[in-house]
Amino acid sequence: VVASTVVRDRLGDMLNRIGYGDNKRIGITRHGKVAAVLISAHELDLLDEIEMAVDVREAERILADPASEFIPWEQAEAELDAAESAR
């Protein structure tokens, strides 16, 4: 974990470590809290694969029992109105 001010000075070195080195993650903090993480392209690909698998599993679940996802129009309309009002 490194402070964002350090990243500005050492970004090139960090990218080399992540991209060509040990593939570790580097947390970047702002005001003492992790705000972002640098990861390798390989890890990003793995995350994308995991997200796709989760989406496929959810789609299969819904297709197996479409009625379980039914929302009456009145409820959907009320939720859309509430979301619009919150903006």
N, C-alpha and C. Protein backbone atom coordinates (compact mmCIF):
# COMPACT_ATOMS: atom_id res chain seq x y z
N VAL A 1 0.86 -1.17 0.00
CA VAL A 1 0.00 0.00 0.00
C VAL A 1 0.90 1.23 0.00
N VAL A 2 0.59 2.17 -0.89
CA VAL A 2 1.37 3.40 -0.99
C VAL A 2 0.42 4.60 -1.08
N ALA A 3 0.93 5.73 -0.68
CA ALA A 3 0.16 6.97 -0.76
C ALA A 3 0.10 7.45 -2.21
N SER A 4 -0.98 8.12 -2.55
CA SER A 4 -1.13 8.62 -3.93
C SER A 4 0.00 9.56 -4.31
N THR A 5 0.57 10.28 -3.36
CA THR A 5 1.68 11.18 -3.68
C THR A 5 2.91 10.40 -4.13
N VAL A 6 3.10 9.20 -3.59
CA VAL A 6 4.23 8.35 -4.00
C VAL A 6 4.00 7.83 -5.42
N VAL A 7 2.76 7.53 -5.75
CA VAL A 7 2.44 7.01 -7.09
C VAL A 7 2.86 8.00 -8.16
N ARG A 8 2.62 9.27 -7.92
CA ARG A 8 2.99 10.29 -8.92
C ARG A 8 4.48 10.21 -9.24
N ASP A 9 5.30 9.98 -8.24
CA ASP A 9 6.74 9.96 -8.44
C ASP A 9 7.26 8.62 -8.95
N ARG A 10 6.55 7.52 -8.67
CA ARG A 10 7.08 6.20 -8.96
C ARG A 10 6.18 5.34 -9.83
N LEU A 11 5.26 5.95 -10.57
CA LEU A 11 4.30 5.18 -11.35
C LEU A 11 4.99 4.23 -12.33
N GLY A 12 6.00 4.70 -13.03
CA GLY A 12 6.69 3.85 -14.00
C GLY A 12 7.26 2.61 -13.35
N ASP A 13 7.91 2.78 -12.21
CA ASP A 13 8.47 1.63 -11.49
C ASP A 13 7.36 0.67 -11.04
N MET A 14 6.27 1.23 -10.57
CA MET A 14 5.16 0.39 -10.10
C MET A 14 4.55 -0.40 -11.24
N LEU A 15 4.37 0.25 -12.38
CA LEU A 15 3.82 -0.46 -13.54
C LEU A 15 4.73 -1.60 -13.97
N ASN A 16 6.03 -1.37 -13.95
CA ASN A 16 6.97 -2.44 -14.30
C ASN A 16 6.87 -3.60 -13.31
N ARG A 17 6.79 -3.30 -12.02
CA ARG A 17 6.67 -4.35 -11.01
C ARG A 17 5.41 -5.18 -11.21
N ILE A 18 4.32 -4.49 -11.49
CA ILE A 18 3.04 -5.19 -11.64
C ILE A 18 2.97 -5.90 -12.98
N GLY A 19 3.34 -5.23 -14.03
CA GLY A 19 3.18 -5.78 -15.37
C GLY A 19 4.20 -6.84 -15.74
N TYR A 20 5.41 -6.71 -15.23
CA TYR A 20 6.48 -7.62 -15.65
C TYR A 20 7.11 -8.37 -14.50
N GLY A 21 6.65 -8.11 -13.31
CA GLY A 21 7.29 -8.71 -12.14
C GLY A 21 6.45 -9.76 -11.48
N ASP A 22 6.19 -9.53 -10.23
CA ASP A 22 5.56 -10.54 -9.40
C ASP A 22 4.03 -10.49 -9.40
N ASN A 23 3.43 -9.64 -10.23
CA ASN A 23 1.96 -9.55 -10.36
C ASN A 23 1.25 -9.23 -9.06
N LYS A 24 1.91 -8.56 -8.15
CA LYS A 24 1.26 -8.18 -6.91
C LYS A 24 0.36 -6.97 -7.14
N ARG A 25 -0.58 -6.82 -6.27
CA ARG A 25 -1.46 -5.65 -6.29
C ARG A 25 -0.81 -4.56 -5.46
N ILE A 26 -1.03 -3.33 -5.87
CA ILE A 26 -0.54 -2.19 -5.10
C ILE A 26 -1.73 -1.31 -4.76
N GLY A 27 -2.05 -1.23 -3.47
CA GLY A 27 -3.12 -0.36 -3.02
C GLY A 27 -2.63 1.08 -2.96
N ILE A 28 -3.48 1.98 -3.38
CA ILE A 28 -3.15 3.41 -3.38
C ILE A 28 -4.08 4.11 -2.40
N THR A 29 -3.48 4.79 -1.44
CA THR A 29 -4.29 5.43 -0.40
C THR A 29 -4.42 6.93 -0.64
N ARG A 30 -5.53 7.44 -0.18
CA ARG A 30 -5.77 8.88 -0.09
C ARG A 30 -6.34 9.13 1.28
N HIS A 31 -5.71 10.02 1.99
CA HIS A 31 -6.15 10.35 3.35
C HIS A 31 -6.20 9.10 4.23
N GLY A 32 -5.23 8.19 4.02
CA GLY A 32 -5.12 7.01 4.86
C GLY A 32 -6.02 5.85 4.52
N LYS A 33 -6.85 5.97 3.50
CA LYS A 33 -7.76 4.89 3.11
C LYS A 33 -7.45 4.45 1.69
N VAL A 34 -7.53 3.15 1.43
CA VAL A 34 -7.29 2.64 0.08
C VAL A 34 -8.39 3.16 -0.83
N ALA A 35 -7.97 3.87 -1.89
CA ALA A 35 -8.91 4.47 -2.83
C ALA A 35 -8.92 3.73 -4.16
N ALA A 36 -7.81 3.05 -4.48
CA ALA A 36 -7.70 2.34 -5.75
C ALA A 36 -6.62 1.28 -5.61
N VAL A 37 -6.57 0.39 -6.60
CA VAL A 37 -5.57 -0.67 -6.60
C VAL A 37 -5.04 -0.83 -8.01
N LEU A 38 -3.72 -0.88 -8.13
CA LEU A 38 -3.08 -1.21 -9.41
C LEU A 38 -2.94 -2.71 -9.49
N ILE A 39 -3.42 -3.30 -10.59
CA ILE A 39 -3.27 -4.75 -10.79
C ILE A 39 -2.73 -4.98 -12.20
N SER A 40 -2.22 -6.17 -12.43
CA SER A 40 -1.70 -6.51 -13.75
C SER A 40 -2.85 -6.73 -14.73
N ALA A 41 -2.52 -6.66 -16.00
CA ALA A 41 -3.52 -6.93 -17.04
C ALA A 41 -4.04 -8.36 -16.91
N HIS A 42 -3.16 -9.28 -16.51
CA HIS A 42 -3.55 -10.68 -16.32
C HIS A 42 -4.62 -10.79 -15.23
N GLU A 43 -4.42 -10.10 -14.11
CA GLU A 43 -5.42 -10.13 -13.05
C GLU A 43 -6.73 -9.50 -13.49
N LEU A 44 -6.64 -8.45 -14.29
CA LEU A 44 -7.87 -7.83 -14.81
C LEU A 44 -8.63 -8.82 -15.69
N ASP A 45 -7.92 -9.56 -16.53
CA ASP A 45 -8.56 -10.58 -17.36
C ASP A 45 -9.26 -11.62 -16.49
N LEU A 46 -8.59 -12.05 -15.40
CA LEU A 46 -9.20 -13.03 -14.49
C LEU A 46 -10.46 -12.47 -13.85
N LEU A 47 -10.42 -11.20 -13.43
CA LEU A 47 -11.61 -10.58 -12.86
C LEU A 47 -12.75 -10.52 -13.86
N ASP A 48 -12.42 -10.20 -15.11
CA ASP A 48 -13.45 -10.17 -16.16
C ASP A 48 -14.08 -11.55 -16.36
N GLU A 49 -13.25 -12.59 -16.33
CA GLU A 49 -13.77 -13.95 -16.47
C GLU A 49 -14.68 -14.31 -15.31
N ILE A 50 -14.30 -13.93 -14.12
CA ILE A 50 -15.13 -14.21 -12.94
C ILE A 50 -16.47 -13.49 -13.06
N GLU A 51 -16.43 -12.22 -13.44
CA GLU A 51 -17.68 -11.45 -13.58
C GLU A 51 -18.58 -12.08 -14.64
N MET A 52 -17.99 -12.54 -15.74
CA MET A 52 -18.79 -13.16 -16.80
C MET A 52 -19.43 -14.46 -16.28
N ALA A 53 -18.67 -15.25 -15.53
CA ALA A 53 -19.20 -16.50 -14.99
C ALA A 53 -20.37 -16.22 -14.04
N VAL A 54 -20.24 -15.19 -13.21
CA VAL A 54 -21.31 -14.82 -12.29
C VAL A 54 -22.55 -14.38 -13.08
N ASP A 55 -22.35 -13.56 -14.12
CA ASP A 55 -23.47 -13.10 -14.95
C ASP A 55 -24.17 -14.27 -15.64
N VAL A 56 -23.39 -15.22 -16.16
CA VAL A 56 -23.97 -16.39 -16.83
C VAL A 56 -24.78 -17.21 -15.84
N ARG A 57 -24.23 -17.43 -14.64
CA ARG A 57 -24.93 -18.20 -13.62
C ARG A 57 -26.25 -17.52 -13.25
N GLU A 58 -26.23 -16.19 -13.12
CA GLU A 58 -27.46 -15.46 -12.78
C GLU A 58 -28.47 -15.55 -13.92
N ALA A 59 -28.02 -15.43 -15.16
CA ALA A 59 -28.92 -15.55 -16.30
C ALA A 59 -29.54 -16.94 -16.36
N GLU A 60 -28.73 -17.97 -16.12
CA GLU A 60 -29.25 -19.35 -16.13
C GLU A 60 -30.29 -19.54 -15.03
N ARG A 61 -30.05 -18.95 -13.86
CA ARG A 61 -31.00 -19.05 -12.76
C ARG A 61 -32.33 -18.41 -13.13
N ILE A 62 -32.26 -17.22 -13.73
CA ILE A 62 -33.49 -16.52 -14.12
C ILE A 62 -34.21 -17.26 -15.22
N LEU A 63 -33.48 -17.77 -16.21
CA LEU A 63 -34.12 -18.50 -17.30
C LEU A 63 -34.76 -19.80 -16.82
N ALA A 64 -34.20 -20.42 -15.78
CA ALA A 64 -34.77 -21.65 -15.25
C ALA A 64 -36.11 -21.40 -14.56
N ASP A 65 -36.30 -20.19 -14.02
CA ASP A 65 -37.55 -19.86 -13.32
C ASP A 65 -37.87 -18.38 -13.53
N PRO A 66 -38.31 -18.02 -14.75
CA PRO A 66 -38.56 -16.60 -15.05
C PRO A 66 -39.58 -15.95 -14.13
N ALA A 67 -40.53 -16.72 -13.63
CA ALA A 67 -41.56 -16.15 -12.76
C ALA A 67 -40.96 -15.62 -11.46
N SER A 68 -39.82 -16.13 -11.05
CA SER A 68 -39.21 -15.67 -9.80
C SER A 68 -38.72 -14.23 -9.91
N GLU A 69 -38.56 -13.76 -11.11
CA GLU A 69 -38.07 -12.39 -11.33
C GLU A 69 -39.20 -11.43 -11.70
N PHE A 70 -40.44 -11.89 -11.68
CA PHE A 70 -41.58 -11.06 -12.06
C PHE A 70 -41.79 -9.94 -11.07
N ILE A 71 -41.95 -8.73 -11.59
CA ILE A 71 -42.28 -7.57 -10.77
C ILE A 71 -43.54 -6.94 -11.38
N PRO A 72 -44.57 -6.76 -10.59
CA PRO A 72 -45.78 -6.12 -11.13
C PRO A 72 -45.44 -4.72 -11.66
N TRP A 73 -46.12 -4.30 -12.74
CA TRP A 73 -45.84 -3.02 -13.37
C TRP A 73 -45.92 -1.87 -12.37
N GLU A 74 -46.89 -1.90 -11.49
CA GLU A 74 -47.06 -0.81 -10.52
C GLU A 74 -45.81 -0.67 -9.64
N GLN A 75 -45.25 -1.80 -9.22
CA GLN A 75 -44.04 -1.77 -8.41
C GLN A 75 -42.85 -1.24 -9.21
N ALA A 76 -42.72 -1.72 -10.44
CA ALA A 76 -41.62 -1.26 -11.29
C ALA A 76 -41.74 0.24 -11.55
N GLU A 77 -42.95 0.70 -11.83
CA GLU A 77 -43.18 2.12 -12.09
C GLU A 77 -42.83 2.96 -10.86
N ALA A 78 -43.24 2.49 -9.69
CA ALA A 78 -42.94 3.22 -8.45
C ALA A 78 -41.44 3.27 -8.20
N GLU A 79 -40.73 2.17 -8.45
CA GLU A 79 -39.27 2.15 -8.27
C GLU A 79 -38.58 3.08 -9.26
N LEU A 80 -39.05 3.11 -10.51
CA LEU A 80 -38.47 4.02 -11.50
C LEU A 80 -38.73 5.46 -11.12
N ASP A 81 -39.93 5.76 -10.66
CA ASP A 81 -40.26 7.13 -10.23
C ASP A 81 -39.37 7.56 -9.05
N ALA A 82 -39.19 6.65 -8.09
CA ALA A 82 -38.35 6.95 -6.93
C ALA A 82 -36.90 7.20 -7.35
N ALA A 83 -36.41 6.40 -8.27
CA ALA A 83 -35.04 6.57 -8.75
C ALA A 83 -34.89 7.90 -9.47
N GLU A 84 -35.89 8.25 -10.24
CA GLU A 84 -35.87 9.52 -10.98
C GLU A 84 -35.91 10.71 -10.02
N SER A 85 -36.71 10.59 -8.97
CA SER A 85 -36.83 11.66 -7.99
C SER A 85 -35.53 11.84 -7.20
N ALA A 86 -34.81 10.75 -7.00
CA ALA A 86 -33.56 10.81 -6.22
C ALA A 86 -32.45 11.54 -6.97
N ARG A 87 -32.58 11.66 -8.26
CA ARG A 87 -31.54 12.34 -9.05
C ARG A 87 -31.55 13.80 -8.86
